[in-house]
Amino acid sequence: MSEHSLSHLERQTRIGLGFTLVVALSLLSWAAFAQISGAVIAPGQVTVEGSVKQI
């Protein structure tokens, strides 16, 4: 690789990591301060659609 393309790749990597960090911190901040006002509770049952098959 040439020196120019390597520095361009490093810059793009730093921009991507910085953007990822900002998004992650934003989501964590929102999760820490968001208030949950309620939940939906409903009865239910989980069943398997198929049967066990030996391979």
N, C-alpha and C. Protein backbone atom coordinates (compact mmCIF):
# COMPACT_ATOMS: atom_id res chain seq x y z
N MET A 1 0.83 -1.18 0.00
CA MET A 1 0.00 0.00 0.00
C MET A 1 0.87 1.24 0.00
N SER A 2 0.38 2.25 -0.62
CA SER A 2 1.13 3.49 -0.62
C SER A 2 0.90 4.24 0.69
N GLU A 3 1.76 5.18 0.96
CA GLU A 3 1.68 5.97 2.20
C GLU A 3 0.37 6.76 2.26
N HIS A 4 -0.07 7.26 1.10
CA HIS A 4 -1.30 8.07 1.05
C HIS A 4 -2.52 7.22 1.37
N SER A 5 -2.62 6.04 0.78
CA SER A 5 -3.80 5.21 1.02
C SER A 5 -3.83 4.67 2.44
N LEU A 6 -2.66 4.44 3.04
CA LEU A 6 -2.61 3.98 4.43
C LEU A 6 -3.09 5.07 5.38
N SER A 7 -2.66 6.31 5.15
CA SER A 7 -3.11 7.40 6.02
C SER A 7 -4.61 7.66 5.82
N HIS A 8 -5.09 7.49 4.60
CA HIS A 8 -6.52 7.66 4.33
C HIS A 8 -7.32 6.57 5.06
N LEU A 9 -6.80 5.35 5.05
CA LEU A 9 -7.46 4.25 5.74
C LEU A 9 -7.48 4.48 7.25
N GLU A 10 -6.38 4.96 7.79
CA GLU A 10 -6.33 5.26 9.23
C GLU A 10 -7.33 6.35 9.60
N ARG A 11 -7.44 7.36 8.76
CA ARG A 11 -8.38 8.46 9.03
C ARG A 11 -9.82 7.94 8.99
N GLN A 12 -10.14 7.14 7.99
CA GLN A 12 -11.49 6.59 7.88
C GLN A 12 -11.80 5.68 9.07
N THR A 13 -10.81 4.93 9.52
CA THR A 13 -11.00 4.05 10.68
C THR A 13 -11.28 4.86 11.93
N ARG A 14 -10.54 5.93 12.13
CA ARG A 14 -10.75 6.79 13.31
C ARG A 14 -12.12 7.46 13.26
N ILE A 15 -12.53 7.90 12.09
CA ILE A 15 -13.86 8.51 11.96
C ILE A 15 -14.94 7.49 12.29
N GLY A 16 -14.79 6.27 11.77
CA GLY A 16 -15.76 5.21 12.05
C GLY A 16 -15.82 4.85 13.51
N LEU A 17 -14.66 4.73 14.15
CA LEU A 17 -14.63 4.41 15.57
C LEU A 17 -15.21 5.54 16.42
N GLY A 18 -14.92 6.77 16.03
CA GLY A 18 -15.47 7.92 16.74
C GLY A 18 -16.99 7.97 16.64
N PHE A 19 -17.50 7.72 15.45
CA PHE A 19 -18.95 7.70 15.24
C PHE A 19 -19.59 6.58 16.06
N THR A 20 -18.97 5.41 16.06
CA THR A 20 -19.48 4.28 16.84
C THR A 20 -19.50 4.61 18.33
N LEU A 21 -18.45 5.25 18.81
CA LEU A 21 -18.37 5.63 20.21
C LEU A 21 -19.46 6.64 20.58
N VAL A 22 -19.69 7.61 19.73
CA VAL A 22 -20.73 8.62 19.99
C VAL A 22 -22.11 7.96 20.04
N VAL A 23 -22.39 7.07 19.10
CA VAL A 23 -23.69 6.39 19.08
C VAL A 23 -23.85 5.51 20.32
N ALA A 24 -22.81 4.76 20.68
CA ALA A 24 -22.88 3.88 21.85
C ALA A 24 -23.10 4.69 23.13
N LEU A 25 -22.37 5.79 23.29
CA LEU A 25 -22.55 6.62 24.48
C LEU A 25 -23.93 7.27 24.51
N SER A 26 -24.44 7.65 23.35
CA SER A 26 -25.79 8.23 23.29
C SER A 26 -26.83 7.20 23.72
N LEU A 27 -26.71 5.98 23.22
CA LEU A 27 -27.67 4.94 23.58
C LEU A 27 -27.58 4.57 25.06
N LEU A 28 -26.36 4.49 25.58
CA LEU A 28 -26.19 4.18 27.00
C LEU A 28 -26.74 5.30 27.88
N SER A 29 -26.54 6.54 27.48
CA SER A 29 -27.08 7.67 28.24
C SER A 29 -28.60 7.64 28.23
N TRP A 30 -29.18 7.39 27.07
CA TRP A 30 -30.63 7.31 26.97
C TRP A 30 -31.16 6.16 27.84
N ALA A 31 -30.50 5.01 27.79
CA ALA A 31 -30.94 3.85 28.58
C ALA A 31 -30.84 4.13 30.07
N ALA A 32 -29.86 4.90 30.48
CA ALA A 32 -29.68 5.19 31.90
C ALA A 32 -30.75 6.14 32.43
N PHE A 33 -31.23 7.05 31.62
CA PHE A 33 -32.14 8.07 32.10
C PHE A 33 -33.59 7.90 31.64
N ALA A 34 -33.86 6.99 30.72
CA ALA A 34 -35.23 6.78 30.25
C ALA A 34 -36.04 6.10 31.34
N GLN A 35 -37.26 6.55 31.51
CA GLN A 35 -38.14 5.95 32.51
C GLN A 35 -39.13 5.04 31.81
N ILE A 36 -39.29 3.86 32.37
CA ILE A 36 -40.26 2.91 31.82
C ILE A 36 -41.55 3.11 32.60
N SER A 37 -42.62 3.44 31.90
CA SER A 37 -43.87 3.76 32.57
C SER A 37 -44.76 2.54 32.79
N GLY A 38 -44.46 1.44 32.15
CA GLY A 38 -45.29 0.26 32.34
C GLY A 38 -44.86 -0.88 31.44
N ALA A 39 -45.56 -1.98 31.61
CA ALA A 39 -45.25 -3.16 30.79
C ALA A 39 -46.55 -3.90 30.50
N VAL A 40 -46.54 -4.67 29.45
CA VAL A 40 -47.69 -5.49 29.10
C VAL A 40 -47.40 -6.90 29.60
N ILE A 41 -48.27 -7.40 30.45
CA ILE A 41 -48.12 -8.75 30.98
C ILE A 41 -49.30 -9.57 30.48
N ALA A 42 -49.01 -10.66 29.79
CA ALA A 42 -50.07 -11.50 29.24
C ALA A 42 -49.72 -12.96 29.46
N PRO A 43 -50.75 -13.78 29.70
CA PRO A 43 -50.48 -15.21 29.85
C PRO A 43 -50.11 -15.81 28.50
N GLY A 44 -49.32 -16.84 28.53
CA GLY A 44 -48.93 -17.48 27.29
C GLY A 44 -48.25 -18.81 27.54
N GLN A 45 -48.04 -19.53 26.46
CA GLN A 45 -47.38 -20.82 26.56
C GLN A 45 -46.50 -20.98 25.33
N VAL A 46 -45.30 -21.47 25.56
CA VAL A 46 -44.36 -21.69 24.47
C VAL A 46 -44.38 -23.17 24.11
N THR A 47 -44.58 -23.46 22.83
CA THR A 47 -44.58 -24.85 22.38
C THR A 47 -43.63 -25.00 21.20
N VAL A 48 -43.15 -26.21 21.01
CA VAL A 48 -42.27 -26.52 19.90
C VAL A 48 -43.13 -26.92 18.71
N GLU A 49 -42.82 -26.39 17.53
CA GLU A 49 -43.63 -26.69 16.35
C GLU A 49 -43.37 -28.09 15.80
N GLY A 50 -42.14 -28.55 15.90
CA GLY A 50 -41.80 -29.85 15.33
C GLY A 50 -41.50 -30.87 16.40
N SER A 51 -41.09 -32.03 15.95
CA SER A 51 -40.70 -33.08 16.89
C SER A 51 -39.21 -33.33 16.76
N VAL A 52 -38.64 -33.99 17.76
CA VAL A 52 -37.21 -34.28 17.76
C VAL A 52 -36.93 -35.33 16.69
N LYS A 53 -35.93 -35.06 15.86
CA LYS A 53 -35.57 -35.99 14.79
C LYS A 53 -34.11 -36.38 14.96
N GLN A 54 -33.85 -37.66 14.84
CA GLN A 54 -32.48 -38.14 14.96
C GLN A 54 -31.80 -38.06 13.60
N ILE A 55 -30.59 -37.55 13.60
CA ILE A 55 -29.85 -37.40 12.35
C ILE A 55 -28.84 -38.51 12.23
